[in-house]
C-alpha atoms as a PDB file:
ATOM      1  CA  MET A   1     -41.769  -1.335  -0.554  1.00  0.00           C
ATOM      2  CA  LYS A   2     -41.737  -3.959   2.209  1.00  0.00           C
ATOM      3  CA  LYS A   3     -42.338  -6.659  -0.279  1.00  0.00           C
ATOM      4  CA  ILE A   4     -39.531  -5.737  -2.443  1.00  0.00           C
ATOM      5  CA  VAL A   5     -37.104  -5.587   0.423  1.00  0.00           C
ATOM      6  CA  PHE A   6     -38.355  -8.915   1.686  1.00  0.00           C
ATOM      7  CA  ALA A   7     -37.921 -10.479  -1.835  1.00  0.00           C
ATOM      8  CA  PHE A   8     -34.422  -9.113  -2.026  1.00  0.00           C
ATOM      9  CA  VAL A   9     -33.517 -10.406   1.462  1.00  0.00           C
ATOM     10  CA  ALA A  10     -35.025 -13.894   0.510  1.00  0.00           C
ATOM     11  CA  LEU A  11     -33.267 -14.073  -2.767  1.00  0.00           C
ATOM     12  CA  PHE A  12     -29.860 -13.066  -0.983  1.00  0.00           C
ATOM     13  CA  PHE A  13     -30.137 -15.882   1.545  1.00  0.00           C
ATOM     14  CA  ALA A  14     -31.343 -18.374  -1.013  1.00  0.00           C
ATOM     15  CA  THR A  15     -28.194 -17.476  -3.109  1.00  0.00           C
ATOM     16  CA  LEU A  16     -25.942 -18.077  -0.049  1.00  0.00           C
ATOM     17  CA  SER A  17     -27.480 -21.417   0.871  1.00  0.00           C
ATOM     18  CA  TYR A  18     -27.406 -22.468  -2.882  1.00  0.00           C
ATOM     19  CA  ALA A  19     -23.652 -22.505  -2.834  1.00  0.00           C
ATOM     20  CA  GLN A  20     -23.137 -24.464   0.280  1.00  0.00           C
ATOM     21  CA  ILE A  21     -22.184 -28.060   0.388  1.00  0.00           C
ATOM     22  CA  GLU A  22     -22.787 -28.765   4.006  1.00  0.00           C
ATOM     23  CA  GLY A  23     -25.225 -31.527   4.862  1.00  0.00           C
ATOM     24  CA  LYS A  24     -25.896 -35.230   4.090  1.00  0.00           C
ATOM     25  CA  TRP A  25     -25.571 -36.448   0.338  1.00  0.00           C
ATOM     26  CA  LYS A  26     -26.325 -39.670  -1.201  1.00  0.00           C
ATOM     27  CA  THR A  27     -23.517 -41.043  -3.344  1.00  0.00           C
ATOM     28  CA  ILE A  28     -24.269 -42.929  -6.580  1.00  0.00           C
ATOM     29  CA  ASP A  29     -22.261 -45.833  -7.840  1.00  0.00           C
ATOM     30  CA  ASP A  30     -20.773 -45.029 -11.359  1.00  0.00           C
ATOM     31  CA  GLU A  31     -21.103 -48.565 -12.643  1.00  0.00           C
ATOM     32  CA  THR A  32     -24.618 -49.640 -11.257  1.00  0.00           C
ATOM     33  CA  GLY A  33     -26.261 -46.144 -10.967  1.00  0.00           C
ATOM     34  CA  LYS A  34     -27.423 -47.374  -7.337  1.00  0.00           C
ATOM     35  CA  ALA A  35     -27.241 -45.408  -4.163  1.00  0.00           C
ATOM     36  CA  LYS A  36     -24.051 -46.519  -2.448  1.00  0.00           C
ATOM     37  CA  SER A  37     -23.690 -44.516   0.708  1.00  0.00           C
ATOM     38  CA  ILE A  38     -24.550 -41.314   2.682  1.00  0.00           C
ATOM     39  CA  VAL A  39     -21.696 -38.860   3.156  1.00  0.00           C
ATOM     40  CA  GLU A  40     -21.920 -35.866   5.527  1.00  0.00           C
ATOM     41  CA  ILE A  41     -20.021 -32.774   4.563  1.00  0.00           C
ATOM     42  CA  SER A  42     -19.188 -30.192   7.319  1.00  0.00           C
ATOM     43  CA  LYS A  43     -17.106 -27.120   7.758  1.00  0.00           C
ATOM     44  CA  ARG A  44     -14.397 -27.155  10.388  1.00  0.00           C
ATOM     45  CA  SER A  45     -13.046 -24.345  12.511  1.00  0.00           C
ATOM     46  CA  ASP A  46     -10.179 -23.921   9.888  1.00  0.00           C
ATOM     47  CA  GLY A  47     -12.717 -22.920   7.258  1.00  0.00           C
ATOM     48  CA  LYS A  48     -12.176 -26.016   5.184  1.00  0.00           C
ATOM     49  CA  TYR A  49     -14.751 -28.705   4.348  1.00  0.00           C
ATOM     50  CA  TYR A  50     -14.541 -32.390   5.226  1.00  0.00           C
ATOM     51  CA  GLY A  51     -16.822 -35.317   4.437  1.00  0.00           C
ATOM     52  CA  LYS A  52     -17.257 -38.701   6.142  1.00  0.00           C
ATOM     53  CA  VAL A  53     -19.312 -41.853   5.412  1.00  0.00           C
ATOM     54  CA  LEU A  54     -22.296 -41.919   7.684  1.00  0.00           C
ATOM     55  CA  GLN A  55     -24.072 -44.956   6.238  1.00  0.00           C
ATOM     56  CA  LEU A  56     -23.339 -47.708   3.645  1.00  0.00           C
ATOM     57  CA  LEU A  57     -26.265 -48.523   1.463  1.00  0.00           C
ATOM     58  CA  ILE A  58     -24.424 -51.378  -0.477  1.00  0.00           C
ATOM     59  CA  LYS A  59     -22.310 -53.736   1.513  1.00  0.00           C
ATOM     60  CA  PRO A  60     -18.675 -53.396   0.218  1.00  0.00           C
ATOM     61  CA  GLU A  61     -16.460 -56.298  -0.547  1.00  0.00           C
ATOM     62  CA  HIS A  62     -14.373 -55.230   2.477  1.00  0.00           C
ATOM     63  CA  ASP A  63     -15.558 -53.377   5.616  1.00  0.00           C
ATOM     64  CA  THR A  64     -12.034 -51.618   5.724  1.00  0.00           C
ATOM     65  CA  CYS A  65      -9.940 -49.660   3.254  1.00  0.00           C
ATOM     66  CA  ILE A  66      -7.349 -52.382   2.751  1.00  0.00           C
ATOM     67  CA  ASP A  67      -5.864 -50.479  -0.246  1.00  0.00           C
ATOM     68  CA  CYS A  68      -5.513 -47.060   1.444  1.00  0.00           C
ATOM     69  CA  LYS A  69      -1.904 -45.765   1.539  1.00  0.00           C
ATOM     70  CA  ASP A  70      -2.350 -43.107   4.456  1.00  0.00           C
ATOM     71  CA  ASP A  71      -3.749 -43.064   7.877  1.00  0.00           C
ATOM     72  CA  ARG A  72      -6.908 -44.668   6.505  1.00  0.00           C
ATOM     73  CA  LYS A  73      -5.264 -47.956   5.775  1.00  0.00           C
ATOM     74  CA  ASN A  74      -7.341 -50.821   7.311  1.00  0.00           C
ATOM     75  CA  LYS A  75      -9.656 -48.367   8.903  1.00  0.00           C
ATOM     76  CA  PRO A  76     -13.478 -49.028   8.662  1.00  0.00           C
ATOM     77  CA  ILE A  77     -15.146 -47.376   5.654  1.00  0.00           C
ATOM     78  CA  LEU A  78     -18.086 -46.518   7.832  1.00  0.00           C
ATOM     79  CA  GLY A  79     -17.133 -43.335   9.566  1.00  0.00           C
ATOM     80  CA  MET A  80     -14.123 -42.754   7.286  1.00  0.00           C
ATOM     81  CA  GLU A  81     -13.298 -39.214   6.204  1.00  0.00           C
ATOM     82  CA  ILE A  82     -13.200 -39.425   2.473  1.00  0.00           C
ATOM     83  CA  ILE A  83     -13.220 -35.721   1.641  1.00  0.00           C
ATOM     84  CA  ARG A  84     -10.446 -33.519   3.211  1.00  0.00           C
ATOM     85  CA  GLY A  85      -9.451 -29.834   3.037  1.00  0.00           C
ATOM     86  CA  LEU A  86     -11.878 -28.381   0.457  1.00  0.00           C
ATOM     87  CA  LYS A  87     -11.915 -24.509   0.339  1.00  0.00           C
ATOM     88  CA  LYS A  88     -14.657 -22.417  -0.986  1.00  0.00           C
ATOM     89  CA  ASP A  89     -13.692 -20.504  -4.101  1.00  0.00           C
ATOM     90  CA  GLY A  90     -16.586 -18.601  -5.619  1.00  0.00           C
ATOM     91  CA  ASN A  91     -19.313 -21.182  -6.337  1.00  0.00           C
ATOM     92  CA  GLU A  92     -16.701 -24.002  -6.325  1.00  0.00           C
ATOM     93  CA  PHE A  93     -15.123 -25.929  -3.514  1.00  0.00           C
ATOM     94  CA  THR A  94     -11.635 -26.986  -4.429  1.00  0.00           C
ATOM     95  CA  GLY A  95      -8.137 -27.523  -3.157  1.00  0.00           C
ATOM     96  CA  GLY A  96      -8.911 -30.662  -1.290  1.00  0.00           C
ATOM     97  CA  THR A  97      -8.887 -34.448  -1.866  1.00  0.00           C
ATOM     98  CA  ILE A  98     -11.301 -37.252  -2.140  1.00  0.00           C
ATOM     99  CA  THR A  99     -10.444 -40.918  -1.471  1.00  0.00           C
ATOM    100  CA  ASP A 100     -12.285 -43.844  -3.059  1.00  0.00           C
ATOM    101  CA  PRO A 101     -12.401 -46.577  -0.195  1.00  0.00           C
ATOM    102  CA  LYS A 102     -12.942 -49.306  -2.774  1.00  0.00           C
ATOM    103  CA  THR A 103      -9.551 -48.700  -4.530  1.00  0.00           C
ATOM    104  CA  GLY A 104      -7.766 -46.808  -1.829  1.00  0.00           C
ATOM    105  CA  LYS A 105      -6.846 -43.994  -4.379  1.00  0.00           C
ATOM    106  CA  THR A 106      -6.965 -40.414  -3.410  1.00  0.00           C
ATOM    107  CA  TYR A 107      -7.617 -37.746  -5.996  1.00  0.00           C
ATOM    108  CA  LYS A 108      -7.741 -33.964  -6.140  1.00  0.00           C
ATOM    109  CA  CYS A 109     -11.327 -32.802  -5.715  1.00  0.00           C
ATOM    110  CA  THR A 110     -13.678 -30.020  -6.934  1.00  0.00           C
ATOM    111  CA  ILE A 111     -17.255 -29.873  -5.948  1.00  0.00           C
ATOM    112  CA  THR A 112     -19.993 -27.618  -7.309  1.00  0.00           C
ATOM    113  CA  ARG A 113     -23.607 -27.489  -6.332  1.00  0.00           C
ATOM    114  CA  SER A 114     -26.515 -27.471  -8.686  1.00  0.00           C
ATOM    115  CA  GLY A 115     -29.805 -27.254  -6.675  1.00  0.00           C
ATOM    116  CA  ASP A 116     -30.254 -30.518  -4.687  1.00  0.00           C
ATOM    117  CA  LYS A 117     -27.195 -32.087  -6.519  1.00  0.00           C
ATOM    118  CA  LEU A 118     -23.498 -31.971  -6.046  1.00  0.00           C
ATOM    119  CA  ASN A 119     -21.112 -32.499  -8.854  1.00  0.00           C
ATOM    120  CA  VAL A 120     -18.190 -34.196  -7.330  1.00  0.00           C
ATOM    121  CA  ARG A 121     -15.098 -34.313  -9.522  1.00  0.00           C
ATOM    122  CA  GLY A 122     -12.055 -36.492  -8.705  1.00  0.00           C
ATOM    123  CA  TYR A 123      -8.929 -36.025 -10.816  1.00  0.00           C
ATOM    124  CA  ILE A 124      -5.268 -36.533 -11.115  1.00  0.00           C
ATOM    125  CA  GLY A 125      -3.142 -33.516 -12.252  1.00  0.00           C
ATOM    126  CA  PHE A 126      -5.565 -31.590 -14.346  1.00  0.00           C
ATOM    127  CA  SER A 127      -9.372 -31.345 -13.901  1.00  0.00           C
ATOM    128  CA  LEU A 128      -9.848 -32.473 -17.494  1.00  0.00           C
ATOM    129  CA  ILE A 129      -8.473 -35.912 -16.632  1.00  0.00           C
ATOM    130  CA  GLY A 130     -10.980 -37.390 -14.035  1.00  0.00           C
ATOM    131  CA  ARG A 131     -14.559 -38.308 -13.519  1.00  0.00           C
ATOM    132  CA  THR A 132     -17.555 -36.606 -12.083  1.00  0.00           C
ATOM    133  CA  GLN A 133     -20.173 -38.241  -9.791  1.00  0.00           C
ATOM    134  CA  THR A 134     -23.495 -36.645  -9.089  1.00  0.00           C
ATOM    135  CA  TRP A 135     -24.514 -36.798  -5.422  1.00  0.00           C
ATOM    136  CA  HIS A 136     -28.097 -36.165  -4.302  1.00  0.00           C
ATOM    137  CA  LYS A 137     -29.218 -34.183  -1.177  1.00  0.00           C
ATOM    138  CA  VAL A 138     -30.594 -36.217   1.591  1.00  0.00           C
ATOM    139  CA  LYS A 139     -33.839 -34.720   2.976  1.00  0.00           C
END
């Protein structure tokens, strides 16, 4: 009986951690397929999730976000908060935004987790019109 209870408890906690996105993630460049940066996602006291660039693995053309239109304009990419305001909704994290420092464009964002991978979707308007990147868990 103890083994069964232990198995259920272990499965319960595995399910809880499976749907979490907190931690460090390696971003992959869409065009080259190479690792581009390390982003750390964390949950704040407001219950929302935010992600900032911890490390650049490929030197960008510009060290700052010259094309950003908001408070990130001309700010360093390293340390920049690129994910803002995501809320957990079942197994999805949605309702926030993601900014591409290369173009300065900000998109609506939805993130789902699949094992040690995040499917990060940025889109304008409807989720059907956008693109998805796969990020890998940094161990």
